[in-house]
mmCIF file of all heavy atoms, coordinates in Angstrom:
data_MODEL
# 
_entry.id   MODEL 
# 
loop_
_atom_site.group_PDB 
_atom_site.id 
_atom_site.type_symbol 
_atom_site.label_atom_id 
_atom_site.label_alt_id 
_atom_site.label_comp_id 
_atom_site.label_asym_id 
_atom_site.label_entity_id 
_atom_site.label_seq_id 
_atom_site.pdbx_PDB_ins_code 
_atom_site.Cartn_x 
_atom_site.Cartn_y 
_atom_site.Cartn_z 
_atom_site.occupancy 
_atom_site.B_iso_or_equiv 
_atom_site.pdbx_formal_charge 
_atom_site.auth_seq_id 
_atom_site.auth_comp_id 
_atom_site.auth_asym_id 
_atom_site.auth_atom_id 
_atom_site.pdbx_PDB_model_num 
ATOM 1   N N   . LEU A 1 1  ? 3.062   7.826  -12.529 1.00 0.00 ? 1  LEU A N   1 
ATOM 2   C CA  . LEU A 1 1  ? 1.743   8.075  -13.063 1.00 0.00 ? 1  LEU A CA  1 
ATOM 3   C C   . LEU A 1 1  ? 0.749   7.209  -12.332 1.00 0.00 ? 1  LEU A C   1 
ATOM 4   O O   . LEU A 1 1  ? 0.926   5.999  -12.204 1.00 0.00 ? 1  LEU A O   1 
ATOM 5   C CB  . LEU A 1 1  ? 1.701   7.726  -14.604 1.00 0.00 ? 1  LEU A CB  1 
ATOM 6   C CG  . LEU A 1 1  ? 0.342   7.782  -15.251 1.00 0.00 ? 1  LEU A CG  1 
ATOM 7   C CD1 . LEU A 1 1  ? -0.158  9.198  -15.359 1.00 0.00 ? 1  LEU A CD1 1 
ATOM 8   C CD2 . LEU A 1 1  ? 0.372   7.127  -16.625 1.00 0.00 ? 1  LEU A CD2 1 
ATOM 9   N N   . LEU A 1 2  ? -0.360  7.808  -11.812 1.00 0.00 ? 2  LEU A N   1 
ATOM 10  C CA  . LEU A 1 2  ? -1.383  7.090  -11.110 1.00 0.00 ? 2  LEU A CA  1 
ATOM 11  C C   . LEU A 1 2  ? -2.636  7.040  -11.983 1.00 0.00 ? 2  LEU A C   1 
ATOM 12  O O   . LEU A 1 2  ? -3.011  8.047  -12.596 1.00 0.00 ? 2  LEU A O   1 
ATOM 13  C CB  . LEU A 1 2  ? -1.708  7.841  -9.796  1.00 0.00 ? 2  LEU A CB  1 
ATOM 14  C CG  . LEU A 1 2  ? -0.546  8.206  -8.924  1.00 0.00 ? 2  LEU A CG  1 
ATOM 15  C CD1 . LEU A 1 2  ? -1.033  9.019  -7.718  1.00 0.00 ? 2  LEU A CD1 1 
ATOM 16  C CD2 . LEU A 1 2  ? 0.219   6.985  -8.445  1.00 0.00 ? 2  LEU A CD2 1 
ATOM 17  N N   . ASP A 1 3  ? -3.284  5.903  -12.017 1.00 0.00 ? 3  ASP A N   1 
ATOM 18  C CA  . ASP A 1 3  ? -4.556  5.746  -12.709 1.00 0.00 ? 3  ASP A CA  1 
ATOM 19  C C   . ASP A 1 3  ? -5.652  6.164  -11.731 1.00 0.00 ? 3  ASP A C   1 
ATOM 20  O O   . ASP A 1 3  ? -6.069  5.404  -10.876 1.00 0.00 ? 3  ASP A O   1 
ATOM 21  C CB  . ASP A 1 3  ? -4.775  4.323  -13.168 1.00 0.00 ? 3  ASP A CB  1 
ATOM 22  C CG  . ASP A 1 3  ? -6.019  4.182  -14.011 1.00 0.00 ? 3  ASP A CG  1 
ATOM 23  O OD1 . ASP A 1 3  ? -6.573  5.235  -14.414 1.00 0.00 ? 3  ASP A OD1 1 
ATOM 24  O OD2 . ASP A 1 3  ? -6.422  3.039  -14.285 1.00 0.00 ? 3  ASP A OD2 1 
ATOM 25  N N   . GLY A 1 4  ? -6.078  7.374  -11.851 1.00 0.00 ? 4  GLY A N   1 
ATOM 26  C CA  . GLY A 1 4  ? -7.118  7.933  -10.947 1.00 0.00 ? 4  GLY A CA  1 
ATOM 27  C C   . GLY A 1 4  ? -7.140  9.454  -11.033 1.00 0.00 ? 4  GLY A C   1 
ATOM 28  O O   . GLY A 1 4  ? -6.537  10.043 -11.916 1.00 0.00 ? 4  GLY A O   1 
ATOM 29  N N   . GLY A 1 5  ? -7.843  10.032 -10.065 1.00 0.00 ? 5  GLY A N   1 
ATOM 30  C CA  . GLY A 1 5  ? -7.993  11.485 -10.076 1.00 0.00 ? 5  GLY A CA  1 
ATOM 31  C C   . GLY A 1 5  ? -7.350  12.168 -8.914  1.00 0.00 ? 5  GLY A C   1 
ATOM 32  O O   . GLY A 1 5  ? -6.332  11.675 -8.351  1.00 0.00 ? 5  GLY A O   1 
ATOM 33  N N   . ARG A 1 6  ? -7.950  13.254 -8.470  1.00 0.00 ? 6  ARG A N   1 
ATOM 34  C CA  . ARG A 1 6  ? -7.320  14.065 -7.387  1.00 0.00 ? 6  ARG A CA  1 
ATOM 35  C C   . ARG A 1 6  ? -7.262  13.273 -6.100  1.00 0.00 ? 6  ARG A C   1 
ATOM 36  O O   . ARG A 1 6  ? -6.322  13.466 -5.295  1.00 0.00 ? 6  ARG A O   1 
ATOM 37  C CB  . ARG A 1 6  ? -8.141  15.375 -7.203  1.00 0.00 ? 6  ARG A CB  1 
ATOM 38  C CG  . ARG A 1 6  ? -8.012  16.370 -8.342  1.00 0.00 ? 6  ARG A CG  1 
ATOM 39  C CD  . ARG A 1 6  ? -8.566  17.692 -7.915  1.00 0.00 ? 6  ARG A CD  1 
ATOM 40  N NE  . ARG A 1 6  ? -8.532  18.641 -8.979  1.00 0.00 ? 6  ARG A NE  1 
ATOM 41  C CZ  . ARG A 1 6  ? -9.535  18.950 -9.818  1.00 0.00 ? 6  ARG A CZ  1 
ATOM 42  N NH1 . ARG A 1 6  ? -10.652 18.265 -9.675  1.00 0.00 ? 6  ARG A NH1 1 
ATOM 43  N NH2 . ARG A 1 6  ? -9.413  19.865 -10.754 1.00 0.00 ? 6  ARG A NH2 1 
ATOM 44  N N   . ALA A 1 7  ? -8.281  12.432 -5.810  1.00 0.00 ? 7  ALA A N   1 
ATOM 45  C CA  . ALA A 1 7  ? -8.261  11.705 -4.541  1.00 0.00 ? 7  ALA A CA  1 
ATOM 46  C C   . ALA A 1 7  ? -7.082  10.753 -4.485  1.00 0.00 ? 7  ALA A C   1 
ATOM 47  O O   . ALA A 1 7  ? -6.419  10.684 -3.440  1.00 0.00 ? 7  ALA A O   1 
ATOM 48  C CB  . ALA A 1 7  ? -9.588  10.915 -4.424  1.00 0.00 ? 7  ALA A CB  1 
ATOM 49  N N   . GLN A 1 8  ? -6.835  9.996  -5.528  1.00 0.00 ? 8  GLN A N   1 
ATOM 50  C CA  . GLN A 1 8  ? -5.678  9.108  -5.537  1.00 0.00 ? 8  GLN A CA  1 
ATOM 51  C C   . GLN A 1 8  ? -4.380  9.911  -5.431  1.00 0.00 ? 8  GLN A C   1 
ATOM 52  O O   . GLN A 1 8  ? -3.439  9.517  -4.734  1.00 0.00 ? 8  GLN A O   1 
ATOM 53  C CB  . GLN A 1 8  ? -5.636  8.272  -6.833  1.00 0.00 ? 8  GLN A CB  1 
ATOM 54  C CG  . GLN A 1 8  ? -6.630  7.137  -6.851  1.00 0.00 ? 8  GLN A CG  1 
ATOM 55  C CD  . GLN A 1 8  ? -8.009  7.538  -7.360  1.00 0.00 ? 8  GLN A CD  1 
ATOM 56  O OE1 . GLN A 1 8  ? -8.286  8.724  -7.473  1.00 0.00 ? 8  GLN A OE1 1 
ATOM 57  N NE2 . GLN A 1 8  ? -8.800  6.549  -7.715  1.00 0.00 ? 8  GLN A NE2 1 
ATOM 58  N N   . LEU A 1 9  ? -4.354  11.051 -6.117  1.00 0.00 ? 9  LEU A N   1 
ATOM 59  C CA  . LEU A 1 9  ? -3.151  11.897 -6.043  1.00 0.00 ? 9  LEU A CA  1 
ATOM 60  C C   . LEU A 1 9  ? -2.917  12.399 -4.646  1.00 0.00 ? 9  LEU A C   1 
ATOM 61  O O   . LEU A 1 9  ? -1.774  12.365 -4.165  1.00 0.00 ? 9  LEU A O   1 
ATOM 62  C CB  . LEU A 1 9  ? -3.379  13.094 -6.992  1.00 0.00 ? 9  LEU A CB  1 
ATOM 63  C CG  . LEU A 1 9  ? -2.176  13.843 -7.477  1.00 0.00 ? 9  LEU A CG  1 
ATOM 64  C CD1 . LEU A 1 9  ? -1.240  12.935 -8.320  1.00 0.00 ? 9  LEU A CD1 1 
ATOM 65  C CD2 . LEU A 1 9  ? -2.616  15.045 -8.367  1.00 0.00 ? 9  LEU A CD2 1 
ATOM 66  N N   . GLY A 1 10 ? -3.953  12.801 -3.929  1.00 0.00 ? 10 GLY A N   1 
ATOM 67  C CA  . GLY A 1 10 ? -3.791  13.266 -2.574  1.00 0.00 ? 10 GLY A CA  1 
ATOM 68  C C   . GLY A 1 10 ? -3.321  12.160 -1.628  1.00 0.00 ? 10 GLY A C   1 
ATOM 69  O O   . GLY A 1 10 ? -2.476  12.381 -0.756  1.00 0.00 ? 10 GLY A O   1 
ATOM 70  N N   . ALA A 1 11 ? -3.914  10.948 -1.797  1.00 0.00 ? 11 ALA A N   1 
ATOM 71  C CA  . ALA A 1 11 ? -3.540  9.798  -0.937  1.00 0.00 ? 11 ALA A CA  1 
ATOM 72  C C   . ALA A 1 11 ? -2.070  9.444  -1.128  1.00 0.00 ? 11 ALA A C   1 
ATOM 73  O O   . ALA A 1 11 ? -1.358  9.215  -0.108  1.00 0.00 ? 11 ALA A O   1 
ATOM 74  C CB  . ALA A 1 11 ? -4.450  8.642  -1.214  1.00 0.00 ? 11 ALA A CB  1 
ATOM 75  N N   . VAL A 1 12 ? -1.611  9.411  -2.338  1.00 0.00 ? 12 VAL A N   1 
ATOM 76  C CA  . VAL A 1 12 ? -0.227  9.044  -2.593  1.00 0.00 ? 12 VAL A CA  1 
ATOM 77  C C   . VAL A 1 12 ? 0.688   10.158 -2.158  1.00 0.00 ? 12 VAL A C   1 
ATOM 78  O O   . VAL A 1 12 ? 1.779   9.890  -1.601  1.00 0.00 ? 12 VAL A O   1 
ATOM 79  C CB  . VAL A 1 12 ? -0.041  8.727  -4.103  1.00 0.00 ? 12 VAL A CB  1 
ATOM 80  C CG1 . VAL A 1 12 ? 1.441   8.567  -4.432  1.00 0.00 ? 12 VAL A CG1 1 
ATOM 81  C CG2 . VAL A 1 12 ? -0.807  7.471  -4.454  1.00 0.00 ? 12 VAL A CG2 1 
ATOM 82  N N   . SER A 1 13 ? 0.334   11.398 -2.322  1.00 0.00 ? 13 SER A N   1 
ATOM 83  C CA  . SER A 1 13 ? 1.162   12.530 -1.903  1.00 0.00 ? 13 SER A CA  1 
ATOM 84  C C   . SER A 1 13 ? 1.381   12.455 -0.388  1.00 0.00 ? 13 SER A C   1 
ATOM 85  O O   . SER A 1 13 ? 2.509   12.706 0.102   1.00 0.00 ? 13 SER A O   1 
ATOM 86  C CB  . SER A 1 13 ? 0.501   13.839 -2.266  1.00 0.00 ? 13 SER A CB  1 
ATOM 87  O OG  . SER A 1 13 ? 0.424   14.001 -3.682  1.00 0.00 ? 13 SER A OG  1 
ATOM 88  N N   . ARG A 1 14 ? 0.334   12.123 0.355   1.00 0.00 ? 14 ARG A N   1 
ATOM 89  C CA  . ARG A 1 14 ? 0.478   12.033 1.815   1.00 0.00 ? 14 ARG A CA  1 
ATOM 90  C C   . ARG A 1 14 ? 1.435   10.904 2.214   1.00 0.00 ? 14 ARG A C   1 
ATOM 91  O O   . ARG A 1 14 ? 2.235   11.084 3.150   1.00 0.00 ? 14 ARG A O   1 
ATOM 92  C CB  . ARG A 1 14 ? -0.904  11.849 2.465   1.00 0.00 ? 14 ARG A CB  1 
ATOM 93  C CG  . ARG A 1 14 ? -1.783  13.093 2.401   1.00 0.00 ? 14 ARG A CG  1 
ATOM 94  C CD  . ARG A 1 14 ? -3.038  12.930 3.231   1.00 0.00 ? 14 ARG A CD  1 
ATOM 95  N NE  . ARG A 1 14 ? -3.953  11.968 2.676   1.00 0.00 ? 14 ARG A NE  1 
ATOM 96  C CZ  . ARG A 1 14 ? -4.869  12.262 1.752   1.00 0.00 ? 14 ARG A CZ  1 
ATOM 97  N NH1 . ARG A 1 14 ? -5.007  13.522 1.305   1.00 0.00 ? 14 ARG A NH1 1 
ATOM 98  N NH2 . ARG A 1 14 ? -5.689  11.330 1.348   1.00 0.00 ? 14 ARG A NH2 1 
ATOM 99  N N   . VAL A 1 15 ? 1.359   9.760  1.519   1.00 0.00 ? 15 VAL A N   1 
ATOM 100 C CA  . VAL A 1 15 ? 2.219   8.661  1.861   1.00 0.00 ? 15 VAL A CA  1 
ATOM 101 C C   . VAL A 1 15 ? 3.683   9.043  1.603   1.00 0.00 ? 15 VAL A C   1 
ATOM 102 O O   . VAL A 1 15 ? 4.590   8.817  2.414   1.00 0.00 ? 15 VAL A O   1 
ATOM 103 C CB  . VAL A 1 15 ? 1.863   7.415  1.040   1.00 0.00 ? 15 VAL A CB  1 
ATOM 104 C CG1 . VAL A 1 15 ? 2.952   6.356  1.175   1.00 0.00 ? 15 VAL A CG1 1 
ATOM 105 C CG2 . VAL A 1 15 ? 0.539   6.833  1.508   1.00 0.00 ? 15 VAL A CG2 1 
ATOM 106 N N   . LEU A 1 16 ? 3.954   9.652  0.468   1.00 0.00 ? 16 LEU A N   1 
ATOM 107 C CA  . LEU A 1 16 ? 5.341   10.045 0.130   1.00 0.00 ? 16 LEU A CA  1 
ATOM 108 C C   . LEU A 1 16 ? 5.843   11.088 1.077   1.00 0.00 ? 16 LEU A C   1 
ATOM 109 O O   . LEU A 1 16 ? 7.054   11.074 1.466   1.00 0.00 ? 16 LEU A O   1 
ATOM 110 C CB  . LEU A 1 16 ? 5.376   10.574 -1.307  1.00 0.00 ? 16 LEU A CB  1 
ATOM 111 C CG  . LEU A 1 16 ? 5.092   9.595  -2.430  1.00 0.00 ? 16 LEU A CG  1 
ATOM 112 C CD1 . LEU A 1 16 ? 5.098   10.261 -3.767  1.00 0.00 ? 16 LEU A CD1 1 
ATOM 113 C CD2 . LEU A 1 16 ? 6.127   8.460  -2.434  1.00 0.00 ? 16 LEU A CD2 1 
ATOM 114 N N   . ALA A 1 17 ? 4.958   11.979 1.565   1.00 0.00 ? 17 ALA A N   1 
ATOM 115 C CA  . ALA A 1 17 ? 5.387   12.987 2.505   1.00 0.00 ? 17 ALA A CA  1 
ATOM 116 C C   . ALA A 1 17 ? 5.749   12.302 3.874   1.00 0.00 ? 17 ALA A C   1 
ATOM 117 O O   . ALA A 1 17 ? 6.707   12.647 4.504   1.00 0.00 ? 17 ALA A O   1 
ATOM 118 C CB  . ALA A 1 17 ? 4.282   13.998 2.720   1.00 0.00 ? 17 ALA A CB  1 
ATOM 119 N N   . GLU A 1 18 ? 4.967   11.275 4.271   1.00 0.00 ? 18 GLU A N   1 
ATOM 120 C CA  . GLU A 1 18 ? 5.262   10.554 5.476   1.00 0.00 ? 18 GLU A CA  1 
ATOM 121 C C   . GLU A 1 18 ? 6.616   9.841  5.389   1.00 0.00 ? 18 GLU A C   1 
ATOM 122 O O   . GLU A 1 18 ? 7.357   9.761  6.384   1.00 0.00 ? 18 GLU A O   1 
ATOM 123 C CB  . GLU A 1 18 ? 4.153   9.533  5.747   1.00 0.00 ? 18 GLU A CB  1 
ATOM 124 C CG  . GLU A 1 18 ? 2.850   10.117 6.118   1.00 0.00 ? 18 GLU A CG  1 
ATOM 125 C CD  . GLU A 1 18 ? 1.744   9.038  6.226   1.00 0.00 ? 18 GLU A CD  1 
ATOM 126 O OE1 . GLU A 1 18 ? 2.132   7.844  6.199   1.00 0.00 ? 18 GLU A OE1 1 
ATOM 127 O OE2 . GLU A 1 18 ? 0.549   9.421  6.263   1.00 0.00 ? 18 GLU A OE2 1 
ATOM 128 N N   . LEU A 1 19 ? 6.905   9.292  4.181   1.00 0.00 ? 19 LEU A N   1 
ATOM 129 C CA  . LEU A 1 19 ? 8.157   8.623  3.974   1.00 0.00 ? 19 LEU A CA  1 
ATOM 130 C C   . LEU A 1 19 ? 9.343   9.569  3.750   1.00 0.00 ? 19 LEU A C   1 
ATOM 131 O O   . LEU A 1 19 ? 10.493  9.115  3.712   1.00 0.00 ? 19 LEU A O   1 
ATOM 132 C CB  . LEU A 1 19 ? 8.060   7.684  2.778   1.00 0.00 ? 19 LEU A CB  1 
ATOM 133 C CG  . LEU A 1 19 ? 7.044   6.531  2.907   1.00 0.00 ? 19 LEU A CG  1 
ATOM 134 C CD1 . LEU A 1 19 ? 6.908   5.761  1.624   1.00 0.00 ? 19 LEU A CD1 1 
ATOM 135 C CD2 . LEU A 1 19 ? 7.462   5.568  4.038   1.00 0.00 ? 19 LEU A CD2 1 
ATOM 136 N N   . GLY A 1 20 ? 9.054   10.839 3.606   1.00 0.00 ? 20 GLY A N   1 
ATOM 137 C CA  . GLY A 1 20 ? 10.140  11.825 3.362   1.00 0.00 ? 20 GLY A CA  1 
ATOM 138 C C   . GLY A 1 20 ? 10.736  11.657 1.982   1.00 0.00 ? 20 GLY A C   1 
ATOM 139 O O   . GLY A 1 20 ? 11.934  11.924 1.785   1.00 0.00 ? 20 GLY A O   1 
ATOM 140 N N   . ILE A 1 21 ? 9.903   11.272 0.982   1.00 0.00 ? 21 ILE A N   1 
ATOM 141 C CA  . ILE A 1 21 ? 10.365  11.013 -0.373  1.00 0.00 ? 21 ILE A CA  1 
ATOM 142 C C   . ILE A 1 21 ? 9.743   12.053 -1.317  1.00 0.00 ? 21 ILE A C   1 
ATOM 143 O O   . ILE A 1 21 ? 8.555   12.348 -1.223  1.00 0.00 ? 21 ILE A O   1 
ATOM 144 C CB  . ILE A 1 21 ? 10.020  9.607  -0.806  1.00 0.00 ? 21 ILE A CB  1 
ATOM 145 C CG1 . ILE A 1 21 ? 10.818  8.560  -0.002  1.00 0.00 ? 21 ILE A CG1 1 
ATOM 146 C CG2 . ILE A 1 21 ? 10.278  9.382  -2.303  1.00 0.00 ? 21 ILE A CG2 1 
ATOM 147 C CD1 . ILE A 1 21 ? 10.456  7.126  -0.262  1.00 0.00 ? 21 ILE A CD1 1 
ATOM 148 N N   . SER A 1 22 ? 10.538  12.517 -2.231  1.00 0.00 ? 22 SER A N   1 
ATOM 149 C CA  . SER A 1 22 ? 10.044  13.430 -3.243  1.00 0.00 ? 22 SER A CA  1 
ATOM 150 C C   . SER A 1 22 ? 10.084  12.743 -4.618  1.00 0.00 ? 22 SER A C   1 
ATOM 151 O O   . SER A 1 22 ? 11.160  12.407 -5.119  1.00 0.00 ? 22 SER A O   1 
ATOM 152 C CB  . SER A 1 22 ? 10.889  14.722 -3.304  1.00 0.00 ? 22 SER A CB  1 
ATOM 153 O OG  . SER A 1 22 ? 10.481  15.564 -4.355  1.00 0.00 ? 22 SER A OG  1 
ATOM 154 N N   . VAL A 1 23 ? 8.888   12.473 -5.164  1.00 0.00 ? 23 VAL A N   1 
ATOM 155 C CA  . VAL A 1 23 ? 8.762   11.872 -6.516  1.00 0.00 ? 23 VAL A CA  1 
ATOM 156 C C   . VAL A 1 23 ? 7.711   12.663 -7.285  1.00 0.00 ? 23 VAL A C   1 
ATOM 157 O O   . VAL A 1 23 ? 6.601   12.822 -6.780  1.00 0.00 ? 23 VAL A O   1 
ATOM 158 C CB  . VAL A 1 23 ? 8.361   10.389 -6.405  1.00 0.00 ? 23 VAL A CB  1 
ATOM 159 C CG1 . VAL A 1 23 ? 8.127   9.821  -7.823  1.00 0.00 ? 23 VAL A CG1 1 
ATOM 160 C CG2 . VAL A 1 23 ? 9.402   9.566  -5.720  1.00 0.00 ? 23 VAL A CG2 1 
ATOM 161 N N   . PRO A 1 24 ? 8.032   13.205 -8.448  1.00 0.00 ? 24 PRO A N   1 
ATOM 162 C CA  . PRO A 1 24 ? 7.016   13.879 -9.230  1.00 0.00 ? 24 PRO A CA  1 
ATOM 163 C C   . PRO A 1 24 ? 5.855   12.958 -9.556  1.00 0.00 ? 24 PRO A C   1 
ATOM 164 O O   . PRO A 1 24 ? 6.030   11.824 -9.967  1.00 0.00 ? 24 PRO A O   1 
ATOM 165 C CB  . PRO A 1 24 ? 7.760   14.281 -10.511 1.00 0.00 ? 24 PRO A CB  1 
ATOM 166 C CG  . PRO A 1 24 ? 9.196   14.333 -10.094 1.00 0.00 ? 24 PRO A CG  1 
ATOM 167 C CD  . PRO A 1 24 ? 9.362   13.230 -9.111  1.00 0.00 ? 24 PRO A CD  1 
ATOM 168 N N   . LEU A 1 25 ? 4.598   13.495 -9.362  1.00 0.00 ? 25 LEU A N   1 
ATOM 169 C CA  . LEU A 1 25 ? 3.402   12.696 -9.597  1.00 0.00 ? 25 LEU A CA  1 
ATOM 170 C C   . LEU A 1 25 ? 2.510   13.334 -10.646 1.00 0.00 ? 25 LEU A C   1 
ATOM 171 O O   . LEU A 1 25 ? 2.497   14.555 -10.777 1.00 0.00 ? 25 LEU A O   1 
ATOM 172 C CB  . LEU A 1 25 ? 2.603   12.627 -8.286  1.00 0.00 ? 25 LEU A CB  1 
ATOM 173 C CG  . LEU A 1 25 ? 3.233   11.947 -7.059  1.00 0.00 ? 25 LEU A CG  1 
ATOM 174 C CD1 . LEU A 1 25 ? 2.293   12.073 -5.856  1.00 0.00 ? 25 LEU A CD1 1 
ATOM 175 C CD2 . LEU A 1 25 ? 3.531   10.524 -7.344  1.00 0.00 ? 25 LEU A CD2 1 
# 
């Protein structure tokens, strides 16, 4: 769970994609 909106969600999604990790957000 992220405290924020779509922008935080997009930033974290990109990091996880770079790391090759799948975590529900």
